[in-house]
Amino acid sequence: MTWDKTSARTLAVDPAALWDVLADVENWPRWDPDVARVVLHGPAAAGSTGFLYPSGGLRGSVHAKLAKDFTFTSWRPGRELGLCQPVPFGKMDLRLSVAAAAGRAELTQRVVLDTPLRAVMVRIIADDIVANFGRKCAALTRLAVAKAS
């Protein structure tokens, strides 16, 4: 019933600069090809909520009409953010964490789907989140380097 995938990459950026880009949640579309728009319902913090509009024609429009708000399950500045997005008959947890690694930043993304419809939800959502990890890392590196300059 559960699908769990972790991706990690060491980026040639300052961990603090990387965190600054990640923590700017409403600007995630600048680096995440899976996200068209994010609206927060208050400051980002554990327990706060928001709405994520996925990119992609049908997927994005269906989600915009039917989905519920996500909730930040963790918010540890400089280190980690986690969110829980309700999906049909279950939930998707997404965690992004940053760690210092020899003057660089290690970014880890963990996606967990817990739903009896996991095979369908993996095809609709999670496959892209995992497949696009490299593109996300490249864009995050570019933005974090610019921020640190």
N, C-alpha and C. Protein backbone atom coordinates (compact mmCIF):
# COMPACT_ATOMS: atom_id res chain seq x y z
N MET A 1 0.82 -1.19 0.00
CA MET A 1 0.00 0.00 0.00
C MET A 1 0.86 1.26 0.00
N THR A 2 2.14 1.15 0.39
CA THR A 2 3.00 2.33 0.45
C THR A 2 4.06 2.25 -0.62
N TRP A 3 4.33 3.39 -1.25
CA TRP A 3 5.40 3.55 -2.24
C TRP A 3 6.34 4.60 -1.69
N ASP A 4 7.64 4.32 -1.68
CA ASP A 4 8.62 5.18 -1.00
C ASP A 4 9.88 5.28 -1.86
N LYS A 5 10.21 6.50 -2.29
CA LYS A 5 11.41 6.71 -3.11
C LYS A 5 12.22 7.88 -2.57
N THR A 6 13.51 7.66 -2.42
CA THR A 6 14.42 8.70 -1.96
C THR A 6 15.46 8.97 -3.04
N SER A 7 15.71 10.24 -3.30
CA SER A 7 16.74 10.67 -4.24
C SER A 7 17.64 11.64 -3.51
N ALA A 8 18.95 11.59 -3.80
CA ALA A 8 19.88 12.51 -3.15
C ALA A 8 20.96 12.91 -4.15
N ARG A 9 21.44 14.12 -3.97
CA ARG A 9 22.51 14.62 -4.83
C ARG A 9 23.28 15.69 -4.07
N THR A 10 24.60 15.69 -4.25
CA THR A 10 25.44 16.74 -3.68
C THR A 10 25.56 17.85 -4.70
N LEU A 11 25.23 19.07 -4.27
CA LEU A 11 25.23 20.24 -5.15
C LEU A 11 26.37 21.17 -4.77
N ALA A 12 27.00 21.77 -5.76
CA ALA A 12 28.12 22.68 -5.53
C ALA A 12 27.58 24.07 -5.17
N VAL A 13 26.91 24.13 -4.03
CA VAL A 13 26.34 25.38 -3.52
C VAL A 13 26.47 25.43 -2.01
N ASP A 14 26.35 26.63 -1.48
CA ASP A 14 26.32 26.82 -0.04
C ASP A 14 24.99 26.30 0.50
N PRO A 15 25.00 25.46 1.53
CA PRO A 15 23.74 24.93 2.07
C PRO A 15 22.75 26.02 2.48
N ALA A 16 23.24 27.12 3.04
CA ALA A 16 22.33 28.20 3.45
C ALA A 16 21.65 28.84 2.24
N ALA A 17 22.38 29.01 1.16
CA ALA A 17 21.79 29.59 -0.05
C ALA A 17 20.76 28.63 -0.65
N LEU A 18 21.06 27.33 -0.61
CA LEU A 18 20.10 26.34 -1.10
C LEU A 18 18.83 26.38 -0.26
N TRP A 19 18.99 26.43 1.06
CA TRP A 19 17.82 26.50 1.93
C TRP A 19 17.00 27.75 1.62
N ASP A 20 17.65 28.88 1.40
CA ASP A 20 16.90 30.11 1.10
C ASP A 20 16.01 29.94 -0.12
N VAL A 21 16.50 29.23 -1.13
CA VAL A 21 15.69 28.99 -2.33
C VAL A 21 14.54 28.04 -2.01
N LEU A 22 14.82 26.96 -1.28
CA LEU A 22 13.76 26.01 -0.92
C LEU A 22 12.70 26.66 -0.04
N ALA A 23 13.12 27.50 0.89
CA ALA A 23 12.20 28.12 1.85
C ALA A 23 11.30 29.16 1.22
N ASP A 24 11.64 29.60 0.03
CA ASP A 24 10.80 30.56 -0.71
C ASP A 24 9.74 29.76 -1.47
N VAL A 25 8.82 29.18 -0.73
CA VAL A 25 7.88 28.18 -1.24
C VAL A 25 7.05 28.70 -2.40
N GLU A 26 6.59 29.93 -2.33
CA GLU A 26 5.74 30.43 -3.41
C GLU A 26 6.50 30.61 -4.72
N ASN A 27 7.82 30.53 -4.68
CA ASN A 27 8.62 30.60 -5.90
C ASN A 27 9.13 29.23 -6.36
N TRP A 28 8.57 28.15 -5.85
CA TRP A 28 8.98 26.82 -6.28
C TRP A 28 8.86 26.62 -7.80
N PRO A 29 7.90 27.22 -8.47
CA PRO A 29 7.84 27.02 -9.92
C PRO A 29 9.11 27.46 -10.65
N ARG A 30 9.93 28.28 -10.02
CA ARG A 30 11.18 28.70 -10.66
C ARG A 30 12.16 27.54 -10.80
N TRP A 31 12.04 26.53 -9.94
CA TRP A 31 12.98 25.42 -9.99
C TRP A 31 12.33 24.04 -10.12
N ASP A 32 11.04 23.95 -9.87
CA ASP A 32 10.38 22.64 -9.88
C ASP A 32 9.44 22.54 -11.08
N PRO A 33 9.79 21.74 -12.09
CA PRO A 33 8.95 21.63 -13.28
C PRO A 33 7.59 20.97 -13.01
N ASP A 34 7.42 20.37 -11.83
CA ASP A 34 6.15 19.74 -11.49
C ASP A 34 5.15 20.70 -10.85
N VAL A 35 5.59 21.91 -10.58
CA VAL A 35 4.76 22.88 -9.84
C VAL A 35 4.51 24.12 -10.70
N ALA A 36 3.24 24.46 -10.88
CA ALA A 36 2.87 25.67 -11.62
C ALA A 36 2.71 26.86 -10.69
N ARG A 37 2.22 26.61 -9.47
CA ARG A 37 1.95 27.70 -8.53
C ARG A 37 1.77 27.13 -7.13
N VAL A 38 2.21 27.92 -6.13
CA VAL A 38 1.99 27.56 -4.73
C VAL A 38 1.42 28.79 -4.03
N VAL A 39 0.38 28.58 -3.26
CA VAL A 39 -0.23 29.65 -2.46
C VAL A 39 -0.18 29.21 -1.01
N LEU A 40 0.48 30.01 -0.18
CA LEU A 40 0.53 29.72 1.25
C LEU A 40 -0.60 30.45 1.96
N HIS A 41 -1.11 29.83 3.02
CA HIS A 41 -2.19 30.43 3.81
C HIS A 41 -1.64 31.06 5.09
N GLY A 42 -0.41 31.48 5.05
CA GLY A 42 0.27 32.08 6.19
C GLY A 42 1.75 31.78 6.09
N PRO A 43 2.51 32.18 7.08
CA PRO A 43 3.95 31.91 7.04
C PRO A 43 4.24 30.40 7.02
N ALA A 44 5.27 30.01 6.30
CA ALA A 44 5.66 28.60 6.26
C ALA A 44 6.17 28.19 7.64
N ALA A 45 5.56 27.17 8.18
CA ALA A 45 5.92 26.63 9.50
C ALA A 45 5.22 25.28 9.64
N ALA A 46 5.72 24.45 10.52
CA ALA A 46 5.05 23.17 10.78
C ALA A 46 3.61 23.45 11.18
N GLY A 47 2.69 22.76 10.53
CA GLY A 47 1.26 22.93 10.81
C GLY A 47 0.56 23.92 9.89
N SER A 48 1.31 24.78 9.20
CA SER A 48 0.66 25.73 8.30
C SER A 48 0.27 25.02 7.00
N THR A 49 -0.60 25.65 6.24
CA THR A 49 -1.15 25.03 5.05
C THR A 49 -0.94 25.89 3.81
N GLY A 50 -1.20 25.27 2.69
CA GLY A 50 -1.13 25.96 1.42
C GLY A 50 -1.78 25.11 0.35
N PHE A 51 -1.77 25.64 -0.86
CA PHE A 51 -2.33 24.90 -1.98
C PHE A 51 -1.31 24.88 -3.10
N LEU A 52 -1.08 23.71 -3.62
CA LEU A 52 -0.10 23.51 -4.68
C LEU A 52 -0.84 23.22 -5.99
N TYR A 53 -0.50 23.97 -7.03
CA TYR A 53 -1.06 23.76 -8.36
C TYR A 53 -0.01 23.05 -9.20
N PRO A 54 -0.21 21.77 -9.52
CA PRO A 54 0.78 21.06 -10.33
C PRO A 54 0.79 21.58 -11.76
N SER A 55 1.93 21.43 -12.41
CA SER A 55 2.00 21.74 -13.83
C SER A 55 1.41 20.56 -14.60
N GLY A 56 1.16 20.77 -15.84
CA GLY A 56 0.62 19.69 -16.67
C GLY A 56 -0.87 19.84 -16.83
N GLY A 57 -1.30 19.94 -18.05
CA GLY A 57 -2.69 20.18 -18.42
C GLY A 57 -3.73 19.49 -17.56
N LEU A 58 -4.03 18.25 -17.87
CA LEU A 58 -5.12 17.54 -17.19
C LEU A 58 -4.82 17.34 -15.71
N ARG A 59 -3.60 16.93 -15.39
CA ARG A 59 -3.23 16.72 -13.99
C ARG A 59 -3.43 18.00 -13.18
N GLY A 60 -2.94 19.12 -13.70
CA GLY A 60 -3.06 20.39 -12.99
C GLY A 60 -4.49 20.84 -12.82
N SER A 61 -5.30 20.70 -13.87
CA SER A 61 -6.68 21.18 -13.77
C SER A 61 -7.53 20.30 -12.87
N VAL A 62 -7.30 18.99 -12.90
CA VAL A 62 -8.05 18.09 -12.00
C VAL A 62 -7.66 18.36 -10.55
N HIS A 63 -6.37 18.50 -10.29
CA HIS A 63 -5.90 18.78 -8.94
C HIS A 63 -6.48 20.10 -8.42
N ALA A 64 -6.47 21.13 -9.26
CA ALA A 64 -6.97 22.45 -8.86
C ALA A 64 -8.44 22.39 -8.45
N LYS A 65 -9.20 21.49 -9.06
CA LYS A 65 -10.64 21.39 -8.76
C LYS A 65 -10.95 20.47 -7.59
N LEU A 66 -10.16 19.43 -7.41
CA LEU A 66 -10.53 18.39 -6.45
C LEU A 66 -9.65 18.28 -5.21
N ALA A 67 -8.43 18.75 -5.30
CA ALA A 67 -7.48 18.52 -4.21
C ALA A 67 -7.76 19.39 -2.98
N LYS A 68 -7.27 18.92 -1.88
CA LYS A 68 -7.33 19.66 -0.62
C LYS A 68 -5.98 20.33 -0.38
N ASP A 69 -5.94 21.23 0.59
CA ASP A 69 -4.70 21.91 0.96
C ASP A 69 -3.65 20.92 1.45
N PHE A 70 -2.39 21.25 1.24
CA PHE A 70 -1.31 20.50 1.87
C PHE A 70 -1.03 21.12 3.23
N THR A 71 -0.38 20.35 4.09
CA THR A 71 0.03 20.81 5.41
C THR A 71 1.52 20.57 5.58
N PHE A 72 2.23 21.58 6.07
CA PHE A 72 3.64 21.37 6.39
C PHE A 72 3.71 20.48 7.63
N THR A 73 4.34 19.34 7.50
CA THR A 73 4.49 18.41 8.62
C THR A 73 5.79 18.67 9.37
N SER A 74 6.74 19.31 8.70
CA SER A 74 7.97 19.71 9.37
C SER A 74 8.49 20.98 8.69
N TRP A 75 9.14 21.81 9.50
CA TRP A 75 9.79 23.02 9.00
C TRP A 75 10.94 23.31 9.94
N ARG A 76 12.11 22.85 9.56
CA ARG A 76 13.32 23.05 10.37
C ARG A 76 14.26 23.92 9.55
N PRO A 77 14.22 25.25 9.77
CA PRO A 77 15.00 26.17 8.95
C PRO A 77 16.45 25.75 8.77
N GLY A 78 16.87 25.80 7.52
CA GLY A 78 18.22 25.42 7.17
C GLY A 78 18.43 23.93 7.00
N ARG A 79 17.42 23.14 7.37
CA ARG A 79 17.63 21.68 7.38
C ARG A 79 16.58 20.88 6.62
N GLU A 80 15.30 21.15 6.88
CA GLU A 80 14.29 20.25 6.33
C GLU A 80 12.92 20.91 6.28
N LEU A 81 12.18 20.54 5.23
CA LEU A 81 10.75 20.85 5.20
C LEU A 81 10.05 19.59 4.73
N GLY A 82 8.88 19.40 5.25
CA GLY A 82 8.06 18.26 4.85
C GLY A 82 6.64 18.72 4.68
N LEU A 83 5.97 18.13 3.72
CA LEU A 83 4.55 18.46 3.56
C LEU A 83 3.77 17.20 3.27
N CYS A 84 2.51 17.25 3.64
CA CYS A 84 1.58 16.16 3.40
C CYS A 84 0.48 16.67 2.50
N GLN A 85 0.33 16.02 1.35
CA GLN A 85 -0.71 16.37 0.39
C GLN A 85 -1.73 15.24 0.36
N PRO A 86 -2.98 15.52 0.73
CA PRO A 86 -3.99 14.46 0.60
C PRO A 86 -4.14 14.05 -0.87
N VAL A 87 -4.26 12.74 -1.08
CA VAL A 87 -4.55 12.17 -2.39
C VAL A 87 -5.75 11.25 -2.20
N PRO A 88 -6.39 10.82 -3.28
CA PRO A 88 -7.56 9.94 -3.10
C PRO A 88 -7.25 8.74 -2.21
N PHE A 89 -8.03 8.62 -1.15
CA PHE A 89 -7.96 7.52 -0.20
C PHE A 89 -6.63 7.43 0.55
N GLY A 90 -5.89 8.54 0.62
CA GLY A 90 -4.62 8.49 1.32
C GLY A 90 -3.88 9.80 1.31
N LYS A 91 -2.55 9.71 1.23
CA LYS A 91 -1.74 10.92 1.31
C LYS A 91 -0.40 10.71 0.60
N MET A 92 0.19 11.84 0.24
CA MET A 92 1.55 11.85 -0.27
C MET A 92 2.36 12.72 0.66
N ASP A 93 3.47 12.18 1.16
CA ASP A 93 4.40 12.96 1.97
C ASP A 93 5.62 13.27 1.11
N LEU A 94 6.04 14.52 1.16
CA LEU A 94 7.23 14.97 0.47
C LEU A 94 8.14 15.62 1.49
N ARG A 95 9.40 15.17 1.51
CA ARG A 95 10.38 15.78 2.42
C ARG A 95 11.59 16.20 1.60
N LEU A 96 12.03 17.44 1.80
CA LEU A 96 13.25 17.96 1.20
C LEU A 96 14.19 18.32 2.34
N SER A 97 15.38 17.77 2.33
CA SER A 97 16.32 18.08 3.40
C SER A 97 17.66 18.51 2.81
N VAL A 98 18.33 19.38 3.55
CA VAL A 98 19.61 19.95 3.16
C VAL A 98 20.62 19.62 4.25
N ALA A 99 21.80 19.14 3.84
CA ALA A 99 22.88 18.88 4.79
C ALA A 99 24.18 19.40 4.19
N ALA A 100 25.05 19.87 5.06
CA ALA A 100 26.38 20.31 4.62
C ALA A 100 27.21 19.07 4.32
N ALA A 101 27.95 19.16 3.20
CA ALA A 101 28.79 18.04 2.79
C ALA A 101 30.07 18.58 2.16
N ALA A 102 31.11 18.76 2.98
CA ALA A 102 32.42 19.23 2.50
C ALA A 102 32.32 20.52 1.69
N GLY A 103 31.67 21.52 2.26
CA GLY A 103 31.55 22.81 1.60
C GLY A 103 30.48 22.87 0.52
N ARG A 104 29.73 21.82 0.40
CA ARG A 104 28.65 21.75 -0.56
C ARG A 104 27.36 21.41 0.18
N ALA A 105 26.30 21.31 -0.58
CA ALA A 105 25.01 20.96 0.03
C ALA A 105 24.52 19.63 -0.52
N GLU A 106 24.10 18.76 0.37
CA GLU A 106 23.46 17.53 -0.08
C GLU A 106 21.95 17.73 0.04
N LEU A 107 21.28 17.57 -1.08
CA LEU A 107 19.82 17.68 -1.12
C LEU A 107 19.24 16.28 -1.19
N THR A 108 18.31 16.00 -0.30
CA THR A 108 17.61 14.71 -0.31
C THR A 108 16.13 14.97 -0.46
N GLN A 109 15.52 14.24 -1.38
CA GLN A 109 14.08 14.31 -1.62
C GLN A 109 13.50 12.92 -1.32
N ARG A 110 12.50 12.87 -0.47
CA ARG A 110 11.83 11.61 -0.20
C ARG A 110 10.34 11.79 -0.49
N VAL A 111 9.81 10.89 -1.28
CA VAL A 111 8.39 10.90 -1.65
C VAL A 111 7.78 9.59 -1.17
N VAL A 112 6.72 9.70 -0.38
CA VAL A 112 6.02 8.51 0.11
C VAL A 112 4.54 8.65 -0.22
N LEU A 113 4.03 7.68 -0.94
CA LEU A 113 2.60 7.62 -1.23
C LEU A 113 2.00 6.51 -0.40
N ASP A 114 0.95 6.84 0.33
CA ASP A 114 0.26 5.85 1.15
C ASP A 114 -1.22 5.90 0.76
N THR A 115 -1.59 5.03 -0.15
CA THR A 115 -2.96 4.97 -0.65
C THR A 115 -3.17 3.62 -1.33
N PRO A 116 -4.36 3.06 -1.25
CA PRO A 116 -4.61 1.83 -2.00
C PRO A 116 -4.55 2.06 -3.51
N LEU A 117 -4.59 3.32 -3.94
CA LEU A 117 -4.49 3.66 -5.37
C LEU A 117 -3.06 4.04 -5.74
N ARG A 118 -2.08 3.50 -5.02
CA ARG A 118 -0.70 3.93 -5.21
C ARG A 118 -0.22 3.76 -6.64
N ALA A 119 -0.56 2.68 -7.31
CA ALA A 119 -0.08 2.48 -8.69
C ALA A 119 -0.57 3.60 -9.60
N VAL A 120 -1.80 4.01 -9.44
CA VAL A 120 -2.35 5.10 -10.24
C VAL A 120 -1.69 6.42 -9.85
N MET A 121 -1.56 6.68 -8.55
CA MET A 121 -0.99 7.94 -8.08
C MET A 121 0.50 8.05 -8.42
N VAL A 122 1.20 6.94 -8.46
CA VAL A 122 2.60 6.97 -8.88
C VAL A 122 2.66 7.44 -10.34
N ARG A 123 1.81 6.90 -11.17
CA ARG A 123 1.82 7.29 -12.59
C ARG A 123 1.39 8.73 -12.79
N ILE A 124 0.44 9.21 -12.00
CA ILE A 124 -0.08 10.57 -12.17
C ILE A 124 0.86 11.61 -11.58
N ILE A 125 1.44 11.32 -10.41
CA ILE A 125 2.21 12.32 -9.67
C ILE A 125 3.66 11.91 -9.44
N ALA A 126 3.84 10.84 -8.72
CA ALA A 126 5.14 10.53 -8.12
C ALA A 126 6.23 10.19 -9.13
N ASP A 127 5.90 9.52 -10.22
CA ASP A 127 6.93 9.22 -11.22
C ASP A 127 7.62 10.49 -11.69
N ASP A 128 6.83 11.54 -11.96
CA ASP A 128 7.43 12.80 -12.42
C ASP A 128 8.27 13.45 -11.33
N ILE A 129 7.81 13.41 -10.10
CA ILE A 129 8.56 14.02 -9.00
C ILE A 129 9.96 13.40 -8.91
N VAL A 130 10.01 12.09 -9.05
CA VAL A 130 11.29 11.38 -8.98
C VAL A 130 12.09 11.59 -10.27
N ALA A 131 11.44 11.45 -11.42
CA ALA A 131 12.14 11.58 -12.70
C ALA A 131 12.73 12.97 -12.90
N ASN A 132 12.09 13.99 -12.37
CA ASN A 132 12.55 15.36 -12.56
C ASN A 132 13.54 15.83 -11.50
N PHE A 133 13.98 14.94 -10.62
CA PHE A 133 14.89 15.34 -9.55
C PHE A 133 16.16 16.00 -10.09
N GLY A 134 16.74 15.46 -11.14
CA GLY A 134 17.94 16.04 -11.72
C GLY A 134 17.71 17.45 -12.25
N ARG A 135 16.59 17.67 -12.91
CA ARG A 135 16.25 19.01 -13.40
C ARG A 135 16.06 19.98 -12.25
N LYS A 136 15.44 19.51 -11.19
CA LYS A 136 15.25 20.35 -10.00
C LYS A 136 16.60 20.74 -9.41
N CYS A 137 17.49 19.77 -9.30
CA CYS A 137 18.82 20.05 -8.73
C CYS A 137 19.57 21.07 -9.57
N ALA A 138 19.50 20.95 -10.88
CA ALA A 138 20.20 21.90 -11.75
C ALA A 138 19.65 23.32 -11.57
N ALA A 139 18.33 23.44 -11.52
CA ALA A 139 17.71 24.76 -11.34
C ALA A 139 17.99 25.31 -9.94
N LEU A 140 17.92 24.46 -8.92
CA LEU A 140 18.23 24.90 -7.56
C LEU A 140 19.67 25.38 -7.44
N THR A 141 20.58 24.67 -8.08
CA THR A 141 21.99 25.08 -8.07
C THR A 141 22.15 26.45 -8.68
N ARG A 142 21.53 26.65 -9.85
CA ARG A 142 21.61 27.94 -10.53
C ARG A 142 21.08 29.07 -9.64
N LEU A 143 19.92 28.86 -9.03
CA LEU A 143 19.29 29.88 -8.19
C LEU A 143 20.08 30.13 -6.90
N ALA A 144 20.60 29.06 -6.30
CA ALA A 144 21.36 29.19 -5.05
C ALA A 144 22.68 29.90 -5.30
N VAL A 145 23.35 29.61 -6.41
CA VAL A 145 24.60 30.29 -6.75
C VAL A 145 24.32 31.77 -6.96
N ALA A 146 23.25 32.09 -7.68
CA ALA A 146 22.90 33.51 -7.91
C ALA A 146 22.59 34.21 -6.60
N LYS A 147 21.91 33.51 -5.70
CA LYS A 147 21.55 34.10 -4.41
C LYS A 147 22.79 34.37 -3.57
N ALA A 148 23.76 33.47 -3.62
CA ALA A 148 24.99 33.60 -2.83
C ALA A 148 25.94 34.66 -3.38
N SER A 149 25.76 35.03 -4.64
CA SER A 149 26.67 36.01 -5.29
C SER A 149 26.41 37.44 -4.83
